[in-house]
Amino acid sequence: QVQLVESGGGLVQAGGSLRLSCAVSGRTFSTYVMGWFRQALGKERTFVAAISWSGGTTYYADSVKGRFTISRDNAKNTVYLQMNSLKPEDTAVYYCAAGPVPSNRVVVRTRSRYDYWGQGTQVTVSS
């Protein structure tokens, strides 16, 4: 069974930074595409970023490109989301996800392609 546990969320002022981590249990971590999604209050869960199994390819939503960086450490079974220049509209619960998703710029944005999800971590950006 694969389990994902996010950490690193919190309250930060606009312009600040946070680094989210997602620790993954299970021996298949290194073969999975990893993604980050977020869900603001009353809205749908949307794609933020994804990274291929090797870490060689990354994908970003237009709204975070240039501000957020996704990375992974397969030796530590952990994926990270470095968030800089945070804005109030980045406020949401952030979820990491994993699955045997093809590393394709369209597919990685699709929630239903991920088999495993974390419980989420709250990020609040004050203005």
Foldseek 3Di string as FASTA:
>chain_A
DKAKAKDWADEEAAQAKIKMKIAMDDPCLLQKKKFKWWDAPPGDIWGAKIAGSPRPDIEGDPVQPPFWDWGDDVVRRMIMIIGGRDDQVVWTWMKMFIDNFPPDRVGVGDPVRTDYMHPTDTHGYHD
